[in-house]
Amino acid sequence: MSVSISISVNGKRHHLSVPADTPLLYVLRNDLQLNGPKFGCGEAQCGACTVMIGKEAARSCVVPVGAVGAAQVITIEGLVKGKRLHALQNAFLAEQAAQCGYCSSGMLMAAKALLDRNPDPDEATIRREMTGQKCRCGVHNRIVRAIQRAAKELRG
């Protein structure tokens, strides 16, 4: 049964009529046409669907849209300010940290949550925090370098 749901995504409030148990990922992709978060496994195991809910990274494939409440949802589309890419996006480009690109959105959102919590993570912390994000192309070392580069730039 559909219910009226109001969620804030990338700074914009959306009013939808969907079942409250619909995965947030489906609402983002199908209803809001935001294709950054990807469907990977549907079981919160790969990280391709990672978004931020409030200040935390979350696997949108298993979060019911009804559980979001008043929290702000940020997707990869919300990182761009005007035409300026976020420091993480620039760093991923500079380090060639996106090969096929399928995992990139989730990687970037998990990295943003990490840097928001810890602006100066060491390599071991980055590797530990990013463990749940799967990349089948094997560019993990480039991803670590990109996060280090972005952290340095964000610290000024």
C-alpha atoms as a PDB file:
ATOM      1  CA  MET A   1       0.000   0.000   0.000  1.00  0.00           C
ATOM      2  CA  SER A   2       1.401   3.364  -1.012  1.00  0.00           C
ATOM      3  CA  VAL A   3       1.774   6.130   1.533  1.00  0.00           C
ATOM      4  CA  SER A   4       2.712   9.777   1.165  1.00  0.00           C
ATOM      5  CA  ILE A   5       6.426  10.181   1.819  1.00  0.00           C
ATOM      6  CA  SER A   6       8.480  13.356   1.897  1.00  0.00           C
ATOM      7  CA  ILE A   7      12.255  13.051   1.611  1.00  0.00           C
ATOM      8  CA  SER A   8      15.039  15.535   1.073  1.00  0.00           C
ATOM      9  CA  VAL A   9      17.571  14.480  -1.567  1.00  0.00           C
ATOM     10  CA  ASN A  10      20.530  16.626  -2.565  1.00  0.00           C
ATOM     11  CA  GLY A  11      18.947  19.658  -0.933  1.00  0.00           C
ATOM     12  CA  LYS A  12      15.571  19.312  -2.631  1.00  0.00           C
ATOM     13  CA  ARG A  13      12.378  18.073  -0.948  1.00  0.00           C
ATOM     14  CA  HIS A  14      10.399  15.419  -2.831  1.00  0.00           C
ATOM     15  CA  HIS A  15       6.846  14.283  -2.104  1.00  0.00           C
ATOM     16  CA  LEU A  16       6.115  10.760  -3.270  1.00  0.00           C
ATOM     17  CA  SER A  17       3.407   8.160  -3.009  1.00  0.00           C
ATOM     18  CA  VAL A  18       5.204   4.825  -2.625  1.00  0.00           C
ATOM     19  CA  PRO A  19       5.095   1.871  -0.254  1.00  0.00           C
ATOM     20  CA  ALA A  20       7.124   2.791   2.866  1.00  0.00           C
ATOM     21  CA  ASP A  21       9.135  -0.438   2.553  1.00  0.00           C
ATOM     22  CA  THR A  22      10.371   0.403  -0.957  1.00  0.00           C
ATOM     23  CA  PRO A  23      14.173   0.400  -0.968  1.00  0.00           C
ATOM     24  CA  LEU A  24      15.558   3.937  -1.074  1.00  0.00           C
ATOM     25  CA  LEU A  25      17.665   2.912  -4.088  1.00  0.00           C
ATOM     26  CA  TYR A  26      14.535   2.202  -6.140  1.00  0.00           C
ATOM     27  CA  VAL A  27      13.043   5.579  -5.229  1.00  0.00           C
ATOM     28  CA  LEU A  28      16.286   7.376  -6.115  1.00  0.00           C
ATOM     29  CA  ARG A  29      16.680   5.652  -9.458  1.00  0.00           C
ATOM     30  CA  ASN A  30      13.106   5.054 -10.590  1.00  0.00           C
ATOM     31  CA  ASP A  31      11.146   7.930  -9.097  1.00  0.00           C
ATOM     32  CA  LEU A  32      13.772  10.677  -8.876  1.00  0.00           C
ATOM     33  CA  GLN A  33      15.828   9.639 -11.939  1.00  0.00           C
ATOM     34  CA  LEU A  34      19.127   9.787 -10.009  1.00  0.00           C
ATOM     35  CA  ASN A  35      21.256   7.116 -11.608  1.00  0.00           C
ATOM     36  CA  GLY A  36      24.475   7.593  -9.637  1.00  0.00           C
ATOM     37  CA  PRO A  37      23.678   4.959  -7.007  1.00  0.00           C
ATOM     38  CA  LYS A  38      23.805   1.561  -8.700  1.00  0.00           C
ATOM     39  CA  PHE A  39      22.086  -1.736  -8.024  1.00  0.00           C
ATOM     40  CA  GLY A  40      24.839  -4.256  -7.411  1.00  0.00           C
ATOM     41  CA  CYS A  41      23.805  -7.073  -5.124  1.00  0.00           C
ATOM     42  CA  GLY A  42      20.615  -5.938  -3.391  1.00  0.00           C
ATOM     43  CA  GLU A  43      22.001  -7.287  -0.106  1.00  0.00           C
ATOM     44  CA  ALA A  44      24.226  -4.425   1.133  1.00  0.00           C
ATOM     45  CA  GLN A  45      27.335  -6.435   0.336  1.00  0.00           C
ATOM     46  CA  CYS A  46      28.975  -4.568  -2.561  1.00  0.00           C
ATOM     47  CA  GLY A  47      28.500  -0.859  -1.841  1.00  0.00           C
ATOM     48  CA  ALA A  48      27.511   0.223  -5.363  1.00  0.00           C
ATOM     49  CA  CYS A  49      24.334   1.787  -3.940  1.00  0.00           C
ATOM     50  CA  THR A  50      26.028   3.749  -1.139  1.00  0.00           C
ATOM     51  CA  VAL A  51      24.591   7.191  -0.401  1.00  0.00           C
ATOM     52  CA  MET A  52      24.782   9.411   2.641  1.00  0.00           C
ATOM     53  CA  ILE A  53      21.817   9.632   4.962  1.00  0.00           C
ATOM     54  CA  GLY A  54      22.557  12.471   7.308  1.00  0.00           C
ATOM     55  CA  LYS A  55      26.274  12.172   8.041  1.00  0.00           C
ATOM     56  CA  GLU A  56      26.485   8.398   7.579  1.00  0.00           C
ATOM     57  CA  ALA A  57      27.157   6.256   4.532  1.00  0.00           C
ATOM     58  CA  ALA A  58      24.281   3.854   3.951  1.00  0.00           C
ATOM     59  CA  ARG A  59      23.504   1.047   1.514  1.00  0.00           C
ATOM     60  CA  SER A  60      20.377   2.361  -0.154  1.00  0.00           C
ATOM     61  CA  CYS A  61      19.380  -1.058  -1.500  1.00  0.00           C
ATOM     62  CA  VAL A  62      18.360  -2.191   2.005  1.00  0.00           C
ATOM     63  CA  VAL A  63      17.142   1.080   3.561  1.00  0.00           C
ATOM     64  CA  PRO A  64      13.358   1.405   3.327  1.00  0.00           C
ATOM     65  CA  VAL A  65      12.424   4.867   2.074  1.00  0.00           C
ATOM     66  CA  GLY A  66      10.045   5.156   5.019  1.00  0.00           C
ATOM     67  CA  ALA A  67      13.003   4.906   7.426  1.00  0.00           C
ATOM     68  CA  VAL A  68      14.765   7.987   6.023  1.00  0.00           C
ATOM     69  CA  GLY A  69      12.504  10.412   7.852  1.00  0.00           C
ATOM     70  CA  ALA A  70      13.778  14.003   8.026  1.00  0.00           C
ATOM     71  CA  ALA A  71      17.412  13.080   7.300  1.00  0.00           C
ATOM     72  CA  GLN A  72      19.066  14.599   4.240  1.00  0.00           C
ATOM     73  CA  VAL A  73      19.979  12.066   1.544  1.00  0.00           C
ATOM     74  CA  ILE A  74      23.019  12.905  -0.559  1.00  0.00           C
ATOM     75  CA  THR A  75      23.866  11.014  -3.719  1.00  0.00           C
ATOM     76  CA  ILE A  76      26.851  11.424  -6.025  1.00  0.00           C
ATOM     77  CA  GLU A  77      24.793  13.969  -7.965  1.00  0.00           C
ATOM     78  CA  GLY A  78      24.683  16.107  -4.824  1.00  0.00           C
ATOM     79  CA  LEU A  79      28.464  16.425  -4.546  1.00  0.00           C
ATOM     80  CA  VAL A  80      28.735  18.787  -7.505  1.00  0.00           C
ATOM     81  CA  LYS A  81      28.295  22.465  -6.608  1.00  0.00           C
ATOM     82  CA  GLY A  82      27.225  24.317  -9.727  1.00  0.00           C
ATOM     83  CA  LYS A  83      29.802  23.142 -12.239  1.00  0.00           C
ATOM     84  CA  ARG A  84      32.516  22.492  -9.640  1.00  0.00           C
ATOM     85  CA  LEU A  85      33.294  18.900  -8.843  1.00  0.00           C
ATOM     86  CA  HIS A  86      33.913  17.925  -5.236  1.00  0.00           C
ATOM     87  CA  ALA A  87      37.584  17.439  -4.279  1.00  0.00           C
ATOM     88  CA  LEU A  88      36.985  13.675  -4.138  1.00  0.00           C
ATOM     89  CA  GLN A  89      35.643  13.626  -7.683  1.00  0.00           C
ATOM     90  CA  ASN A  90      38.645  15.603  -8.939  1.00  0.00           C
ATOM     91  CA  ALA A  91      41.014  13.291  -7.049  1.00  0.00           C
ATOM     92  CA  PHE A  92      39.368  10.170  -8.510  1.00  0.00           C
ATOM     93  CA  LEU A  93      39.868  11.640 -11.976  1.00  0.00           C
ATOM     94  CA  ALA A  94      43.470  12.657 -11.292  1.00  0.00           C
ATOM     95  CA  GLU A  95      44.381   9.235  -9.881  1.00  0.00           C
ATOM     96  CA  GLN A  96      42.388   7.347 -12.535  1.00  0.00           C
ATOM     97  CA  ALA A  97      40.546   5.629  -9.706  1.00  0.00           C
ATOM     98  CA  ALA A  98      37.501   4.756 -11.796  1.00  0.00           C
ATOM     99  CA  GLN A  99      38.073   2.087 -14.392  1.00  0.00           C
ATOM    100  CA  CYS A 100      34.655   0.766 -15.389  1.00  0.00           C
ATOM    101  CA  GLY A 101      32.913   3.298 -13.135  1.00  0.00           C
ATOM    102  CA  TYR A 102      30.236   0.989 -11.749  1.00  0.00           C
ATOM    103  CA  CYS A 103      31.444   1.177  -8.142  1.00  0.00           C
ATOM    104  CA  SER A 104      32.627   4.790  -8.305  1.00  0.00           C
ATOM    105  CA  SER A 105      29.490   6.447  -6.979  1.00  0.00           C
ATOM    106  CA  GLY A 106      29.407   4.213  -3.920  1.00  0.00           C
ATOM    107  CA  MET A 107      33.160   4.546  -3.421  1.00  0.00           C
ATOM    108  CA  LEU A 108      32.949   8.329  -3.548  1.00  0.00           C
ATOM    109  CA  MET A 109      30.057   8.496  -1.099  1.00  0.00           C
ATOM    110  CA  ALA A 110      31.758   6.136   1.360  1.00  0.00           C
ATOM    111  CA  ALA A 111      34.950   8.192   1.030  1.00  0.00           C
ATOM    112  CA  LYS A 112      33.024  11.419   1.656  1.00  0.00           C
ATOM    113  CA  ALA A 113      31.498   9.982   4.829  1.00  0.00           C
ATOM    114  CA  LEU A 114      34.987   8.901   5.935  1.00  0.00           C
ATOM    115  CA  LEU A 115      36.559  12.317   5.291  1.00  0.00           C
ATOM    116  CA  ASP A 116      33.654  14.094   6.965  1.00  0.00           C
ATOM    117  CA  ARG A 117      34.340  12.034  10.109  1.00  0.00           C
ATOM    118  CA  ASN A 118      38.122  11.984   9.812  1.00  0.00           C
ATOM    119  CA  PRO A 119      39.704  14.697   7.634  1.00  0.00           C
ATOM    120  CA  ASP A 120      43.212  13.221   7.961  1.00  0.00           C
ATOM    121  CA  PRO A 121      42.960   9.419   7.777  1.00  0.00           C
ATOM    122  CA  ASP A 122      46.109   7.361   7.420  1.00  0.00           C
ATOM    123  CA  GLU A 123      46.356   4.684   4.732  1.00  0.00           C
ATOM    124  CA  ALA A 124      45.397   1.863   7.114  1.00  0.00           C
ATOM    125  CA  THR A 125      42.252   3.733   8.155  1.00  0.00           C
ATOM    126  CA  ILE A 126      41.268   4.383   4.549  1.00  0.00           C
ATOM    127  CA  ARG A 127      41.750   0.723   3.635  1.00  0.00           C
ATOM    128  CA  ARG A 128      39.787  -0.458   6.672  1.00  0.00           C
ATOM    129  CA  GLU A 129      36.925   1.983   6.106  1.00  0.00           C
ATOM    130  CA  MET A 130      36.653   1.186   2.401  1.00  0.00           C
ATOM    131  CA  THR A 131      36.801  -2.607   2.799  1.00  0.00           C
ATOM    132  CA  GLY A 132      33.059  -3.061   2.294  1.00  0.00           C
ATOM    133  CA  GLN A 133      33.116  -1.216  -1.024  1.00  0.00           C
ATOM    134  CA  LYS A 134      33.785  -3.730  -3.794  1.00  0.00           C
ATOM    135  CA  CYS A 135      35.650  -2.897  -7.003  1.00  0.00           C
ATOM    136  CA  ARG A 136      35.989  -5.726  -9.454  1.00  0.00           C
ATOM    137  CA  CYS A 137      38.413  -3.777 -11.664  1.00  0.00           C
ATOM    138  CA  GLY A 138      41.088  -3.898  -8.982  1.00  0.00           C
ATOM    139  CA  VAL A 139      41.899  -0.187  -8.726  1.00  0.00           C
ATOM    140  CA  HIS A 140      41.928  -0.203  -4.923  1.00  0.00           C
ATOM    141  CA  ASN A 141      45.400   1.350  -4.676  1.00  0.00           C
ATOM    142  CA  ARG A 142      44.326   4.217  -6.941  1.00  0.00           C
ATOM    143  CA  ILE A 143      41.209   4.712  -4.810  1.00  0.00           C
ATOM    144  CA  VAL A 144      43.335   4.958  -1.665  1.00  0.00           C
ATOM    145  CA  ARG A 145      45.615   7.502  -3.354  1.00  0.00           C
ATOM    146  CA  ALA A 146      42.593   9.486  -4.529  1.00  0.00           C
ATOM    147  CA  ILE A 147      41.159   9.633  -1.017  1.00  0.00           C
ATOM    148  CA  GLN A 148      44.549  10.730   0.347  1.00  0.00           C
ATOM    149  CA  ARG A 149      44.788  13.425  -2.339  1.00  0.00           C
ATOM    150  CA  ALA A 150      41.285  14.705  -1.635  1.00  0.00           C
ATOM    151  CA  ALA A 151      41.893  14.705   2.117  1.00  0.00           C
ATOM    152  CA  LYS A 152      44.998  16.833   1.639  1.00  0.00           C
ATOM    153  CA  GLU A 153      43.173  19.264  -0.636  1.00  0.00           C
ATOM    154  CA  LEU A 154      40.173  19.548   1.700  1.00  0.00           C
ATOM    155  CA  ARG A 155      42.454  20.281   4.657  1.00  0.00           C
ATOM    156  CA  GLY A 156      43.979  23.115   2.630  1.00  0.00           C
END
